[in-house]
Amino acid sequence: MKNQDFIKDIERWEDIMGLNKAKRYSNICRLMTEYKEFRNIAIYRSGRKKIGRRIIALIYPPLSTLYIQAKEIGGGLFIQHGFSTMISAEKIGKNFWINQQVTLGYTDHTRPPILGDNVMVTCGAKVLGPITVGNNVVVGANAVVVKDVEDNVVVGGIPAKIIKRLISSGG
């Protein structure tokens, strides 16, 4: 397990859920008890440690319709309503936010997508194929992304097109 990535996940969940960071252990217990999506993240972060994954899954059953098969996901992963969601990516940067009924995956045998830092993929969207999604991108609801996406934009539609440019913070 990349402990630093999991710690970043916990911190992000605490921020989004408005939890008191001084109560870290209590927060982890609450997240594992109340949020199946968080359980899936804990199982994913346990990596190749089969026994650890099985123990976590036995005590805290994961969301059975949320699949995480990405080779690498940076810290700060937040899954809101992970029902019927497939995360299959070559690489995902830090602070990734994903909603329900999203598919990240293949269109052929080459590779799944690469997503940058601070990307949000909203409900029902599809990000498919050997493409790259830049940093600070929002993929709108039900969008279908099959071509590279530049940094600092909102994309939407079928096929997805830029619908708004975001102001870069320069850092």
N, C-alpha and C. Protein backbone atom coordinates (compact mmCIF):
# COMPACT_ATOMS: atom_id res chain seq x y z
N MET A 1 0.85 -1.18 0.00
CA MET A 1 0.00 0.00 0.00
C MET A 1 0.89 1.23 0.00
N LYS A 2 0.56 2.18 -0.86
CA LYS A 2 1.24 3.47 -0.81
C LYS A 2 0.56 4.26 0.30
N ASN A 3 1.16 4.22 1.47
CA ASN A 3 0.53 4.85 2.63
C ASN A 3 0.26 6.33 2.40
N GLN A 4 1.17 7.03 1.73
CA GLN A 4 0.98 8.47 1.51
C GLN A 4 -0.25 8.73 0.65
N ASP A 5 -0.49 7.92 -0.36
CA ASP A 5 -1.67 8.10 -1.20
C ASP A 5 -2.95 7.86 -0.39
N PHE A 6 -2.95 6.83 0.46
CA PHE A 6 -4.13 6.55 1.26
C PHE A 6 -4.36 7.66 2.29
N ILE A 7 -3.31 8.19 2.85
CA ILE A 7 -3.45 9.32 3.78
C ILE A 7 -4.06 10.51 3.06
N LYS A 8 -3.62 10.77 1.83
CA LYS A 8 -4.20 11.86 1.03
C LYS A 8 -5.68 11.59 0.74
N ASP A 9 -6.02 10.33 0.49
CA ASP A 9 -7.44 9.96 0.29
C ASP A 9 -8.24 10.30 1.54
N ILE A 10 -7.73 9.89 2.69
CA ILE A 10 -8.43 10.15 3.95
C ILE A 10 -8.61 11.65 4.16
N GLU A 11 -7.54 12.41 3.94
CA GLU A 11 -7.61 13.87 4.12
C GLU A 11 -8.65 14.49 3.20
N ARG A 12 -8.70 14.02 1.96
CA ARG A 12 -9.69 14.57 1.01
C ARG A 12 -11.11 14.26 1.45
N TRP A 13 -11.35 13.03 1.87
CA TRP A 13 -12.68 12.65 2.36
C TRP A 13 -13.04 13.50 3.58
N GLU A 14 -12.08 13.70 4.48
CA GLU A 14 -12.34 14.53 5.66
C GLU A 14 -12.74 15.95 5.24
N ASP A 15 -12.01 16.52 4.27
CA ASP A 15 -12.33 17.87 3.80
C ASP A 15 -13.73 17.93 3.19
N ILE A 16 -14.01 17.01 2.29
CA ILE A 16 -15.29 17.02 1.58
C ILE A 16 -16.46 16.74 2.53
N MET A 17 -16.25 15.84 3.48
CA MET A 17 -17.32 15.46 4.41
C MET A 17 -17.40 16.39 5.62
N GLY A 18 -16.46 17.33 5.72
CA GLY A 18 -16.47 18.27 6.84
C GLY A 18 -16.16 17.61 8.18
N LEU A 19 -15.26 16.62 8.17
CA LEU A 19 -14.91 15.91 9.40
C LEU A 19 -13.76 16.61 10.13
N ASN A 20 -13.73 16.46 11.43
CA ASN A 20 -12.69 17.04 12.27
C ASN A 20 -11.41 16.23 12.11
N LYS A 21 -10.37 16.83 11.53
CA LYS A 21 -9.13 16.11 11.26
C LYS A 21 -8.38 15.69 12.53
N ALA A 22 -8.71 16.29 13.64
CA ALA A 22 -8.09 15.91 14.91
C ALA A 22 -8.56 14.53 15.37
N LYS A 23 -9.64 14.04 14.77
CA LYS A 23 -10.21 12.74 15.14
C LYS A 23 -9.98 11.73 14.01
N ARG A 24 -8.75 11.61 13.53
CA ARG A 24 -8.42 10.77 12.38
C ARG A 24 -8.89 9.33 12.54
N TYR A 25 -8.57 8.69 13.65
CA TYR A 25 -8.96 7.29 13.83
C TYR A 25 -10.48 7.14 13.79
N SER A 26 -11.15 8.01 14.47
CA SER A 26 -12.61 8.00 14.48
C SER A 26 -13.17 8.23 13.08
N ASN A 27 -12.54 9.12 12.34
CA ASN A 27 -12.97 9.40 10.96
C ASN A 27 -12.81 8.17 10.07
N ILE A 28 -11.68 7.50 10.20
CA ILE A 28 -11.45 6.29 9.39
C ILE A 28 -12.51 5.24 9.72
N CYS A 29 -12.79 5.06 10.99
CA CYS A 29 -13.84 4.10 11.39
C CYS A 29 -15.18 4.48 10.79
N ARG A 30 -15.51 5.76 10.85
CA ARG A 30 -16.79 6.22 10.28
C ARG A 30 -16.83 6.00 8.77
N LEU A 31 -15.75 6.36 8.08
CA LEU A 31 -15.71 6.20 6.62
C LEU A 31 -15.82 4.73 6.23
N MET A 32 -15.11 3.85 6.94
CA MET A 32 -15.17 2.42 6.62
C MET A 32 -16.55 1.83 6.94
N THR A 33 -17.19 2.36 7.96
CA THR A 33 -18.49 1.83 8.37
C THR A 33 -19.62 2.34 7.47
N GLU A 34 -19.58 3.62 7.12
CA GLU A 34 -20.73 4.24 6.45
C GLU A 34 -20.60 4.38 4.93
N TYR A 35 -19.40 4.29 4.38
CA TYR A 35 -19.21 4.58 2.95
C TYR A 35 -18.52 3.41 2.24
N LYS A 36 -19.33 2.63 1.54
CA LYS A 36 -18.78 1.48 0.83
C LYS A 36 -17.75 1.91 -0.22
N GLU A 37 -17.93 3.08 -0.81
CA GLU A 37 -16.97 3.57 -1.79
C GLU A 37 -15.59 3.73 -1.15
N PHE A 38 -15.57 4.21 0.07
CA PHE A 38 -14.30 4.36 0.78
C PHE A 38 -13.67 2.99 1.05
N ARG A 39 -14.51 2.01 1.34
CA ARG A 39 -14.01 0.63 1.55
C ARG A 39 -13.31 0.13 0.29
N ASN A 40 -13.90 0.41 -0.87
CA ASN A 40 -13.27 -0.01 -2.12
C ASN A 40 -11.89 0.63 -2.28
N ILE A 41 -11.78 1.90 -1.88
CA ILE A 41 -10.49 2.58 -1.96
C ILE A 41 -9.48 1.91 -1.03
N ALA A 42 -9.89 1.59 0.19
CA ALA A 42 -9.00 0.92 1.14
C ALA A 42 -8.52 -0.42 0.57
N ILE A 43 -9.42 -1.15 -0.04
CA ILE A 43 -9.06 -2.44 -0.64
C ILE A 43 -8.10 -2.21 -1.81
N TYR A 44 -8.39 -1.23 -2.66
CA TYR A 44 -7.50 -0.92 -3.79
C TYR A 44 -6.11 -0.54 -3.28
N ARG A 45 -6.04 0.30 -2.26
CA ARG A 45 -4.76 0.77 -1.73
C ARG A 45 -3.97 -0.33 -1.06
N SER A 46 -4.63 -1.43 -0.66
CA SER A 46 -3.89 -2.53 -0.05
C SER A 46 -3.08 -3.30 -1.07
N GLY A 47 -3.27 -2.98 -2.35
CA GLY A 47 -2.43 -3.50 -3.42
C GLY A 47 -2.41 -5.01 -3.54
N ARG A 48 -1.22 -5.55 -3.60
CA ARG A 48 -1.05 -6.98 -3.84
C ARG A 48 -1.13 -7.81 -2.58
N LYS A 49 -1.40 -7.18 -1.48
CA LYS A 49 -1.49 -7.89 -0.20
C LYS A 49 -2.85 -8.57 -0.12
N LYS A 50 -2.92 -9.78 -0.69
CA LYS A 50 -4.20 -10.48 -0.77
C LYS A 50 -4.84 -10.69 0.58
N ILE A 51 -4.04 -11.01 1.57
CA ILE A 51 -4.62 -11.26 2.90
C ILE A 51 -5.21 -9.98 3.45
N GLY A 52 -4.54 -8.85 3.28
CA GLY A 52 -5.07 -7.56 3.75
C GLY A 52 -6.36 -7.21 3.05
N ARG A 53 -6.40 -7.41 1.73
CA ARG A 53 -7.62 -7.13 0.97
C ARG A 53 -8.77 -7.99 1.45
N ARG A 54 -8.50 -9.26 1.68
CA ARG A 54 -9.56 -10.18 2.10
C ARG A 54 -10.08 -9.86 3.50
N ILE A 55 -9.17 -9.47 4.38
CA ILE A 55 -9.59 -9.12 5.74
C ILE A 55 -10.47 -7.87 5.70
N ILE A 56 -10.03 -6.86 4.95
CA ILE A 56 -10.82 -5.63 4.84
C ILE A 56 -12.19 -5.95 4.26
N ALA A 57 -12.21 -6.72 3.18
CA ALA A 57 -13.48 -7.05 2.52
C ALA A 57 -14.40 -7.90 3.39
N LEU A 58 -13.82 -8.73 4.25
CA LEU A 58 -14.62 -9.56 5.14
C LEU A 58 -15.27 -8.70 6.22
N ILE A 59 -14.51 -7.80 6.80
CA ILE A 59 -15.03 -6.96 7.88
C ILE A 59 -15.91 -5.83 7.33
N TYR A 60 -15.46 -5.25 6.21
CA TYR A 60 -16.16 -4.11 5.60
C TYR A 60 -16.44 -4.45 4.14
N PRO A 61 -17.54 -5.11 3.84
CA PRO A 61 -17.83 -5.49 2.45
C PRO A 61 -17.83 -4.27 1.52
N PRO A 62 -17.15 -4.39 0.38
CA PRO A 62 -17.09 -3.26 -0.55
C PRO A 62 -18.38 -3.12 -1.36
N LEU A 63 -18.46 -2.04 -2.10
CA LEU A 63 -19.56 -1.82 -3.04
C LEU A 63 -19.30 -2.76 -4.22
N SER A 64 -20.19 -3.71 -4.42
CA SER A 64 -19.93 -4.78 -5.40
C SER A 64 -20.01 -4.32 -6.85
N THR A 65 -20.56 -3.15 -7.11
CA THR A 65 -20.65 -2.67 -8.50
C THR A 65 -19.63 -1.58 -8.81
N LEU A 66 -18.64 -1.42 -7.95
CA LEU A 66 -17.56 -0.44 -8.16
C LEU A 66 -16.27 -1.21 -8.37
N TYR A 67 -15.70 -1.07 -9.55
CA TYR A 67 -14.48 -1.79 -9.91
C TYR A 67 -13.34 -0.80 -10.08
N ILE A 68 -12.24 -1.04 -9.38
CA ILE A 68 -11.05 -0.20 -9.50
C ILE A 68 -9.92 -1.08 -9.99
N GLN A 69 -9.53 -0.88 -11.27
CA GLN A 69 -8.49 -1.69 -11.88
C GLN A 69 -7.40 -0.82 -12.49
N ALA A 70 -7.25 0.38 -12.00
CA ALA A 70 -6.24 1.29 -12.53
C ALA A 70 -4.85 0.87 -12.07
N LYS A 71 -3.87 1.05 -12.94
CA LYS A 71 -2.49 0.71 -12.57
C LYS A 71 -1.96 1.65 -11.51
N GLU A 72 -2.36 2.92 -11.58
CA GLU A 72 -1.85 3.90 -10.62
C GLU A 72 -2.88 5.02 -10.44
N ILE A 73 -3.18 5.35 -9.18
CA ILE A 73 -4.06 6.47 -8.86
C ILE A 73 -3.37 7.28 -7.77
N GLY A 74 -3.20 8.57 -8.01
CA GLY A 74 -2.58 9.44 -7.02
C GLY A 74 -3.47 9.62 -5.80
N GLY A 75 -2.89 10.17 -4.75
CA GLY A 75 -3.62 10.41 -3.51
C GLY A 75 -4.75 11.41 -3.69
N GLY A 76 -5.72 11.35 -2.80
CA GLY A 76 -6.85 12.28 -2.86
C GLY A 76 -8.01 11.76 -3.66
N LEU A 77 -8.12 10.45 -3.82
CA LEU A 77 -9.22 9.84 -4.58
C LEU A 77 -10.53 9.97 -3.82
N PHE A 78 -11.55 10.52 -4.47
CA PHE A 78 -12.88 10.63 -3.87
C PHE A 78 -13.90 10.03 -4.83
N ILE A 79 -14.66 9.07 -4.33
CA ILE A 79 -15.70 8.42 -5.13
C ILE A 79 -17.04 8.75 -4.50
N GLN A 80 -17.82 9.56 -5.20
CA GLN A 80 -19.14 9.91 -4.70
C GLN A 80 -20.17 9.09 -5.45
N HIS A 81 -20.94 8.31 -4.75
CA HIS A 81 -21.96 7.46 -5.39
C HIS A 81 -21.32 6.57 -6.45
N GLY A 82 -20.50 5.62 -6.04
CA GLY A 82 -19.76 4.77 -6.96
C GLY A 82 -20.56 3.66 -7.60
N PHE A 83 -21.89 3.68 -7.47
CA PHE A 83 -22.71 2.61 -8.03
C PHE A 83 -22.46 2.44 -9.53
N SER A 84 -22.24 1.22 -9.94
CA SER A 84 -22.10 0.86 -11.35
C SER A 84 -21.01 1.67 -12.04
N THR A 85 -19.83 1.69 -11.41
CA THR A 85 -18.70 2.49 -11.90
C THR A 85 -17.50 1.60 -12.15
N MET A 86 -16.82 1.82 -13.29
CA MET A 86 -15.63 1.07 -13.67
C MET A 86 -14.48 2.05 -13.82
N ILE A 87 -13.43 1.84 -13.05
CA ILE A 87 -12.24 2.68 -13.14
C ILE A 87 -11.10 1.80 -13.66
N SER A 88 -10.88 1.84 -14.96
CA SER A 88 -9.79 1.11 -15.59
C SER A 88 -8.97 2.15 -16.36
N ALA A 89 -7.84 2.52 -15.79
CA ALA A 89 -7.01 3.56 -16.39
C ALA A 89 -5.55 3.18 -16.27
N GLU A 90 -4.77 3.69 -17.17
CA GLU A 90 -3.32 3.49 -17.11
C GLU A 90 -2.76 4.24 -15.91
N LYS A 91 -3.20 5.49 -15.77
CA LYS A 91 -2.73 6.33 -14.67
C LYS A 91 -3.75 7.43 -14.42
N ILE A 92 -3.96 7.73 -13.14
CA ILE A 92 -4.83 8.83 -12.73
C ILE A 92 -4.04 9.67 -11.74
N GLY A 93 -4.04 10.97 -11.93
CA GLY A 93 -3.30 11.87 -11.06
C GLY A 93 -3.96 12.04 -9.70
N LYS A 94 -3.44 12.99 -8.96
CA LYS A 94 -3.94 13.24 -7.60
C LYS A 94 -5.28 13.99 -7.64
N ASN A 95 -6.02 13.87 -6.55
CA ASN A 95 -7.30 14.57 -6.35
C ASN A 95 -8.32 14.27 -7.45
N PHE A 96 -8.50 13.01 -7.72
CA PHE A 96 -9.47 12.56 -8.71
C PHE A 96 -10.83 12.38 -8.04
N TRP A 97 -11.88 12.89 -8.68
CA TRP A 97 -13.26 12.79 -8.18
C TRP A 97 -14.07 12.09 -9.25
N ILE A 98 -14.81 11.05 -8.86
CA ILE A 98 -15.62 10.30 -9.82
C ILE A 98 -16.99 10.03 -9.23
N ASN A 99 -18.01 10.06 -10.09
CA ASN A 99 -19.39 9.83 -9.67
C ASN A 99 -19.89 8.49 -10.19
N GLN A 100 -21.19 8.27 -10.01
CA GLN A 100 -21.82 6.99 -10.34
C GLN A 100 -21.98 6.77 -11.84
N GLN A 101 -22.04 5.50 -12.19
CA GLN A 101 -22.29 5.03 -13.55
C GLN A 101 -21.31 5.61 -14.57
N VAL A 102 -20.07 5.71 -14.14
CA VAL A 102 -18.99 6.20 -15.00
C VAL A 102 -18.17 5.00 -15.46
N THR A 103 -17.69 5.07 -16.69
CA THR A 103 -16.77 4.05 -17.19
C THR A 103 -15.50 4.73 -17.69
N LEU A 104 -14.38 4.32 -17.12
CA LEU A 104 -13.06 4.66 -17.66
C LEU A 104 -12.52 3.34 -18.18
N GLY A 105 -12.17 3.29 -19.45
CA GLY A 105 -11.73 1.99 -19.95
C GLY A 105 -11.22 1.98 -21.37
N TYR A 106 -11.14 0.79 -21.89
CA TYR A 106 -10.56 0.50 -23.20
C TYR A 106 -11.58 0.66 -24.33
N THR A 107 -11.05 0.94 -25.54
CA THR A 107 -11.85 0.80 -26.75
C THR A 107 -11.25 -0.29 -27.64
N ASP A 108 -10.02 -0.69 -27.33
CA ASP A 108 -9.32 -1.74 -28.07
C ASP A 108 -8.28 -2.37 -27.15
N HIS A 109 -7.31 -3.05 -27.72
CA HIS A 109 -6.32 -3.77 -26.93
C HIS A 109 -5.11 -2.93 -26.52
N THR A 110 -5.06 -1.65 -26.90
CA THR A 110 -3.85 -0.86 -26.66
C THR A 110 -3.69 -0.46 -25.21
N ARG A 111 -4.46 0.51 -24.75
CA ARG A 111 -4.38 0.91 -23.35
C ARG A 111 -5.61 1.73 -22.97
N PRO A 112 -5.89 1.79 -21.68
CA PRO A 112 -6.98 2.64 -21.20
C PRO A 112 -6.48 4.09 -21.09
N PRO A 113 -7.34 5.01 -20.70
CA PRO A 113 -6.95 6.42 -20.65
C PRO A 113 -5.95 6.75 -19.52
N ILE A 114 -5.33 7.91 -19.68
CA ILE A 114 -4.49 8.53 -18.66
C ILE A 114 -5.19 9.83 -18.27
N LEU A 115 -5.37 10.05 -16.98
CA LEU A 115 -6.02 11.27 -16.50
C LEU A 115 -5.05 12.04 -15.62
N GLY A 116 -5.06 13.36 -15.75
CA GLY A 116 -4.16 14.21 -14.99
C GLY A 116 -4.64 14.47 -13.57
N ASP A 117 -4.05 15.49 -12.96
CA ASP A 117 -4.40 15.89 -11.60
C ASP A 117 -5.68 16.72 -11.60
N ASN A 118 -6.42 16.64 -10.50
CA ASN A 118 -7.61 17.48 -10.27
C ASN A 118 -8.66 17.31 -11.37
N VAL A 119 -8.94 16.06 -11.70
CA VAL A 119 -9.95 15.75 -12.71
C VAL A 119 -11.22 15.28 -12.00
N MET A 120 -12.36 15.74 -12.50
CA MET A 120 -13.66 15.29 -12.01
C MET A 120 -14.43 14.69 -13.18
N VAL A 121 -14.89 13.45 -13.00
CA VAL A 121 -15.70 12.79 -14.01
C VAL A 121 -17.08 12.57 -13.39
N THR A 122 -18.08 13.27 -13.93
CA THR A 122 -19.40 13.27 -13.32
C THR A 122 -20.29 12.15 -13.85
N CYS A 123 -21.48 12.04 -13.28
CA CYS A 123 -22.35 10.88 -13.47
C CYS A 123 -22.60 10.52 -14.93
N GLY A 124 -22.48 9.23 -15.19
CA GLY A 124 -22.82 8.68 -16.50
C GLY A 124 -21.79 8.89 -17.59
N ALA A 125 -20.70 9.57 -17.31
CA ALA A 125 -19.71 9.86 -18.34
C ALA A 125 -18.90 8.62 -18.70
N LYS A 126 -18.35 8.64 -19.91
CA LYS A 126 -17.48 7.58 -20.41
C LYS A 126 -16.19 8.24 -20.90
N VAL A 127 -15.05 7.72 -20.45
CA VAL A 127 -13.74 8.19 -20.90
C VAL A 127 -13.04 6.94 -21.39
N LEU A 128 -12.87 6.86 -22.72
CA LEU A 128 -12.51 5.58 -23.33
C LEU A 128 -11.32 5.67 -24.28
N GLY A 129 -10.49 4.64 -24.22
CA GLY A 129 -9.43 4.47 -25.19
C GLY A 129 -8.09 5.02 -24.77
N PRO A 130 -7.11 4.91 -25.66
CA PRO A 130 -5.75 5.35 -25.36
C PRO A 130 -5.61 6.87 -25.51
N ILE A 131 -6.30 7.59 -24.64
CA ILE A 131 -6.31 9.05 -24.70
C ILE A 131 -5.73 9.62 -23.41
N THR A 132 -5.49 10.93 -23.43
CA THR A 132 -5.00 11.63 -22.24
C THR A 132 -5.93 12.78 -21.92
N VAL A 133 -6.36 12.82 -20.67
CA VAL A 133 -7.18 13.92 -20.17
C VAL A 133 -6.26 14.76 -19.30
N GLY A 134 -6.16 16.05 -19.59
CA GLY A 134 -5.23 16.94 -18.90
C GLY A 134 -5.58 17.20 -17.46
N ASN A 135 -4.87 18.16 -16.87
CA ASN A 135 -5.08 18.57 -15.49
C ASN A 135 -6.24 19.56 -15.39
N ASN A 136 -6.90 19.55 -14.23
CA ASN A 136 -7.97 20.52 -13.95
C ASN A 136 -9.09 20.45 -14.98
N VAL A 137 -9.59 19.25 -15.20
CA VAL A 137 -10.64 19.01 -16.19
C VAL A 137 -11.89 18.51 -15.50
N VAL A 138 -13.04 18.97 -15.96
CA VAL A 138 -14.33 18.44 -15.53
C VAL A 138 -14.98 17.80 -16.75
N VAL A 139 -15.36 16.54 -16.60
CA VAL A 139 -16.08 15.83 -17.65
C VAL A 139 -17.55 15.83 -17.24
N GLY A 140 -18.38 16.48 -18.05
CA GLY A 140 -19.79 16.66 -17.72
C GLY A 140 -20.59 15.37 -17.74
N ALA A 141 -21.75 15.43 -17.15
CA ALA A 141 -22.63 14.27 -17.04
C ALA A 141 -22.95 13.70 -18.42
N ASN A 142 -22.84 12.39 -18.53
CA ASN A 142 -23.15 11.62 -19.74
C ASN A 142 -22.28 11.94 -20.94
N ALA A 143 -21.19 12.67 -20.74
CA ALA A 143 -20.26 12.95 -21.85
C ALA A 143 -19.57 11.65 -22.27
N VAL A 144 -19.16 11.61 -23.53
CA VAL A 144 -18.37 10.49 -24.04
C VAL A 144 -17.07 11.06 -24.59
N VAL A 145 -15.98 10.80 -23.87
CA VAL A 145 -14.67 11.35 -24.21
C VAL A 145 -13.86 10.27 -24.91
N VAL A 146 -13.53 10.51 -26.19
CA VAL A 146 -12.75 9.54 -26.97
C VAL A 146 -11.54 10.18 -27.64
N LYS A 147 -11.29 11.46 -27.33
CA LYS A 147 -10.11 12.17 -27.85
C LYS A 147 -9.43 12.89 -26.69
N ASP A 148 -8.15 13.19 -26.87
CA ASP A 148 -7.40 13.90 -25.83
C ASP A 148 -8.11 15.18 -25.41
N VAL A 149 -7.96 15.53 -24.14
CA VAL A 149 -8.56 16.74 -23.58
C VAL A 149 -7.43 17.59 -22.99
N GLU A 150 -7.41 18.87 -23.36
CA GLU A 150 -6.37 19.76 -22.85
C GLU A 150 -6.64 20.14 -21.39
N ASP A 151 -5.68 20.79 -20.76
CA ASP A 151 -5.80 21.25 -19.37
C ASP A 151 -6.86 22.34 -19.24
N ASN A 152 -7.41 22.45 -18.03
CA ASN A 152 -8.24 23.59 -17.61
C ASN A 152 -9.50 23.81 -18.45
N VAL A 153 -10.25 22.73 -18.67
CA VAL A 153 -11.48 22.86 -19.44
C VAL A 153 -12.58 22.01 -18.83
N VAL A 154 -13.81 22.34 -19.23
CA VAL A 154 -14.98 21.51 -18.96
C VAL A 154 -15.39 20.95 -20.31
N VAL A 155 -15.60 19.63 -20.38
CA VAL A 155 -16.05 19.02 -21.63
C VAL A 155 -17.40 18.35 -21.40
N GLY A 156 -18.19 18.31 -22.46
CA GLY A 156 -19.50 17.68 -22.38
C GLY A 156 -19.99 17.30 -23.76
N GLY A 157 -20.99 16.46 -23.78
CA GLY A 157 -21.60 16.07 -25.05
C GLY A 157 -21.12 14.73 -25.55
N ILE A 158 -21.71 14.35 -26.71
CA ILE A 158 -21.38 13.08 -27.36
C ILE A 158 -21.12 13.34 -28.82
N PRO A 159 -19.89 13.27 -29.29
CA PRO A 159 -18.67 13.11 -28.51
C PRO A 159 -18.36 14.40 -27.74
N ALA A 160 -17.56 14.27 -26.69
CA ALA A 160 -17.28 15.42 -25.82
C ALA A 160 -16.50 16.50 -26.55
N LYS A 161 -16.90 17.74 -26.26
CA LYS A 161 -16.23 18.93 -26.80
C LYS A 161 -16.05 19.91 -25.65
N ILE A 162 -15.14 20.84 -25.81
CA ILE A 162 -14.93 21.86 -24.79
C ILE A 162 -16.16 22.74 -24.73
N ILE A 163 -16.72 22.89 -23.53
CA ILE A 163 -17.87 23.78 -23.36
C ILE A 163 -17.54 24.99 -22.49
N LYS A 164 -16.37 24.91 -21.82
CA LYS A 164 -15.95 26.05 -21.01
C LYS A 164 -14.45 25.93 -20.73
N ARG A 165 -13.77 27.07 -20.76
CA ARG A 165 -12.36 27.10 -20.36
C ARG A 165 -12.29 27.62 -18.94
N LEU A 166 -11.48 26.95 -18.13
CA LEU A 166 -11.33 27.32 -16.73
C LEU A 166 -10.10 28.21 -16.59
N ILE A 167 -10.13 29.08 -15.61
CA ILE A 167 -8.98 29.97 -15.36
C ILE A 167 -7.95 29.16 -14.59
N SER A 168 -6.73 29.11 -15.12
CA SER A 168 -5.65 28.40 -14.48
C SER A 168 -5.14 29.19 -13.30
N SER A 169 -4.84 28.48 -12.20
CA SER A 169 -4.29 29.15 -11.02
C SER A 169 -2.79 29.37 -11.15
N GLY A 170 -2.20 28.84 -12.22
CA GLY A 170 -0.78 29.03 -12.47
C GLY A 170 0.12 28.23 -11.58
N GLY A 171 -0.39 27.28 -10.84
CA GLY A 171 0.48 26.53 -9.94
C GLY A 171 0.18 25.13 -9.92
